[in-house]
C-alpha atoms as a PDB file:
ATOM      1  CA  MET A   1       2.735  65.022  47.785  1.00  0.00           C
ATOM      2  CA  ILE A   2       2.839  62.069  50.199  1.00  0.00           C
ATOM      3  CA  ASP A   3      -0.367  60.307  51.123  1.00  0.00           C
ATOM      4  CA  GLY A   4      -2.512  63.048  49.887  1.00  0.00           C
ATOM      5  CA  ILE A   5      -0.522  65.785  51.850  1.00  0.00           C
ATOM      6  CA  ALA A   6       1.039  68.390  49.714  1.00  0.00           C
ATOM      7  CA  GLY A   7       4.461  69.936  50.519  1.00  0.00           C
ATOM      8  CA  HIS A   8       7.694  71.004  49.051  1.00  0.00           C
ATOM      9  CA  LEU A   9      11.432  70.362  49.733  1.00  0.00           C
ATOM     10  CA  MET A  10      14.096  73.024  48.922  1.00  0.00           C
ATOM     11  CA  THR A  11      17.735  72.532  49.593  1.00  0.00           C
ATOM     12  CA  ALA A  12      20.921  74.791  49.170  1.00  0.00           C
ATOM     13  CA  ALA A  13      24.500  73.979  48.790  1.00  0.00           C
ATOM     14  CA  ALA A  14      27.780  75.765  49.042  1.00  0.00           C
ATOM     15  CA  VAL A  15      29.978  76.358  45.943  1.00  0.00           C
ATOM     16  CA  SER A  16      31.810  73.219  47.204  1.00  0.00           C
ATOM     17  CA  GLY A  17      28.624  71.124  46.777  1.00  0.00           C
ATOM     18  CA  ALA A  18      28.228  70.574  50.463  1.00  0.00           C
ATOM     19  CA  LEU A  19      24.662  70.802  51.594  1.00  0.00           C
ATOM     20  CA  THR A  20      24.039  73.958  53.758  1.00  0.00           C
ATOM     21  CA  HIS A  21      20.264  74.377  54.141  1.00  0.00           C
ATOM     22  CA  VAL A  22      17.063  72.176  54.226  1.00  0.00           C
ATOM     23  CA  ASP A  23      13.581  73.526  54.005  1.00  0.00           C
ATOM     24  CA  LEU A  24      10.770  70.928  54.170  1.00  0.00           C
ATOM     25  CA  ARG A  25       7.334  72.242  54.300  1.00  0.00           C
ATOM     26  CA  MET A  26       4.221  69.901  54.630  1.00  0.00           C
ATOM     27  CA  GLY A  27       0.569  70.519  55.698  1.00  0.00           C
ATOM     28  CA  LYS A  28      -1.298  73.619  56.307  1.00  0.00           C
ATOM     29  CA  GLN A  29       0.383  76.564  58.091  1.00  0.00           C
ATOM     30  CA  GLY A  30      -0.124  76.390  61.774  1.00  0.00           C
ATOM     31  CA  SER A  31      -0.831  72.728  61.800  1.00  0.00           C
ATOM     32  CA  THR A  32       1.072  70.225  63.924  1.00  0.00           C
ATOM     33  CA  LEU A  33       2.716  68.643  60.793  1.00  0.00           C
ATOM     34  CA  ALA A  34       3.724  72.022  59.470  1.00  0.00           C
ATOM     35  CA  GLY A  35       5.367  72.873  62.773  1.00  0.00           C
ATOM     36  CA  LEU A  36       7.232  69.546  63.183  1.00  0.00           C
ATOM     37  CA  THR A  37       8.548  69.734  59.590  1.00  0.00           C
ATOM     38  CA  ASP A  38       9.691  73.233  60.146  1.00  0.00           C
ATOM     39  CA  ALA A  39      11.448  72.182  63.358  1.00  0.00           C
ATOM     40  CA  LEU A  40      13.177  69.192  61.609  1.00  0.00           C
ATOM     41  CA  SER A  41      14.261  71.550  58.797  1.00  0.00           C
ATOM     42  CA  THR A  42      15.724  74.100  61.380  1.00  0.00           C
ATOM     43  CA  ALA A  43      17.499  71.277  63.249  1.00  0.00           C
ATOM     44  CA  ILE A  44      19.094  69.728  60.140  1.00  0.00           C
ATOM     45  CA  THR A  45      20.231  73.189  58.942  1.00  0.00           C
ATOM     46  CA  THR A  46      21.707  74.003  62.168  1.00  0.00           C
ATOM     47  CA  GLY A  47      23.516  70.787  62.338  1.00  0.00           C
ATOM     48  CA  LEU A  48      24.901  71.238  58.709  1.00  0.00           C
ATOM     49  CA  ARG A  49      26.131  74.652  59.594  1.00  0.00           C
ATOM     50  CA  GLY A  50      27.837  73.306  62.752  1.00  0.00           C
ATOM     51  CA  GLY A  51      29.664  70.697  60.561  1.00  0.00           C
ATOM     52  CA  THR A  52      27.380  67.623  60.830  1.00  0.00           C
ATOM     53  CA  PRO A  53      27.838  65.632  57.568  1.00  0.00           C
ATOM     54  CA  THR A  54      24.675  65.105  55.475  1.00  0.00           C
ATOM     55  CA  ALA A  55      25.380  61.306  55.782  1.00  0.00           C
ATOM     56  CA  ALA A  56      24.562  61.478  59.479  1.00  0.00           C
ATOM     57  CA  PHE A  57      21.103  62.838  58.844  1.00  0.00           C
ATOM     58  CA  ILE A  58      20.581  60.333  55.987  1.00  0.00           C
ATOM     59  CA  ASP A  59      21.561  57.447  58.235  1.00  0.00           C
ATOM     60  CA  GLU A  60      19.342  58.528  61.194  1.00  0.00           C
ATOM     61  CA  LEU A  61      16.189  59.329  59.160  1.00  0.00           C
ATOM     62  CA  ARG A  62      16.274  56.438  56.575  1.00  0.00           C
ATOM     63  CA  HIS A  63      13.583  53.784  57.366  1.00  0.00           C
ATOM     64  CA  THR A  64      11.889  55.779  60.092  1.00  0.00           C
ATOM     65  CA  ARG A  65       8.245  54.890  60.099  1.00  0.00           C
ATOM     66  CA  TYR A  66       5.300  57.241  60.756  1.00  0.00           C
ATOM     67  CA  VAL A  67       2.460  58.827  58.685  1.00  0.00           C
ATOM     68  CA  PRO A  68       2.306  60.225  56.203  1.00  0.00           C
ATOM     69  CA  ALA A  69       3.802  57.403  54.216  1.00  0.00           C
ATOM     70  CA  GLY A  70       3.350  55.938  50.852  1.00  0.00           C
ATOM     71  CA  ALA A  71       4.119  56.769  47.357  1.00  0.00           C
ATOM     72  CA  PRO A  72       5.402  60.439  46.945  1.00  0.00           C
ATOM     73  CA  ASN A  73       4.974  62.497  43.913  1.00  0.00           C
ATOM     74  CA  ASP A  74       8.523  61.905  42.940  1.00  0.00           C
ATOM     75  CA  PRO A  75       9.369  59.469  40.118  1.00  0.00           C
ATOM     76  CA  ASP A  76      12.883  58.708  41.604  1.00  0.00           C
ATOM     77  CA  LEU A  77      11.335  57.527  45.005  1.00  0.00           C
ATOM     78  CA  PRO A  78       8.575  54.924  44.450  1.00  0.00           C
ATOM     79  CA  HIS A  79       7.771  54.476  48.221  1.00  0.00           C
ATOM     80  CA  VAL A  80       8.600  56.236  51.448  1.00  0.00           C
ATOM     81  CA  THR A  81       7.945  55.098  55.116  1.00  0.00           C
ATOM     82  CA  SER A  82       7.646  58.590  56.484  1.00  0.00           C
ATOM     83  CA  LEU A  83       8.578  62.225  55.820  1.00  0.00           C
ATOM     84  CA  GLY A  84      11.966  61.460  57.440  1.00  0.00           C
ATOM     85  CA  ASP A  85      12.539  58.684  55.130  1.00  0.00           C
ATOM     86  CA  TYR A  86      11.514  60.724  52.118  1.00  0.00           C
ATOM     87  CA  LEU A  87      14.075  63.476  53.148  1.00  0.00           C
ATOM     88  CA  ALA A  88      16.842  60.892  53.621  1.00  0.00           C
ATOM     89  CA  GLN A  89      16.182  59.131  50.305  1.00  0.00           C
ATOM     90  CA  HIS A  90      16.047  62.732  48.518  1.00  0.00           C
ATOM     91  CA  LEU A  91      19.262  63.756  50.231  1.00  0.00           C
ATOM     92  CA  HIS A  92      20.967  60.413  49.385  1.00  0.00           C
ATOM     93  CA  LEU A  93      20.146  60.881  45.692  1.00  0.00           C
ATOM     94  CA  THR A  94      21.076  64.599  45.457  1.00  0.00           C
ATOM     95  CA  HIS A  95      23.882  64.703  47.867  1.00  0.00           C
ATOM     96  CA  PRO A  96      25.803  61.301  47.719  1.00  0.00           C
ATOM     97  CA  ARG A  97      28.340  60.252  50.147  1.00  0.00           C
ATOM     98  CA  PRO A  98      31.858  61.172  49.204  1.00  0.00           C
ATOM     99  CA  ILE A  99      34.086  58.243  48.085  1.00  0.00           C
ATOM    100  CA  GLU A 100      36.160  57.162  51.022  1.00  0.00           C
ATOM    101  CA  GLN A 101      39.791  57.109  50.415  1.00  0.00           C
ATOM    102  CA  PRO A 102      41.730  53.892  51.392  1.00  0.00           C
END
């Protein structure tokens, strides 16, 4: 829940640990918010399946600002500035960037 709006986030990963699917659902079915989060999930999943690294989505969505924002119902994330920021912070925690080799 973010700013009183209930939702859920589910992700799936390949055996290798690489993120392959994002499903973010917020708001009431049929609402603008539900439609936009569904479209965002579809766009990210399509990008991941096409080879876009998870880090690219984290970098682009982190610190985006729009409502809903505030304290999510997640003890690991004390504050988010938008749904995009929540998604980026969650993915950063659950799918950290690989260590770059020198």
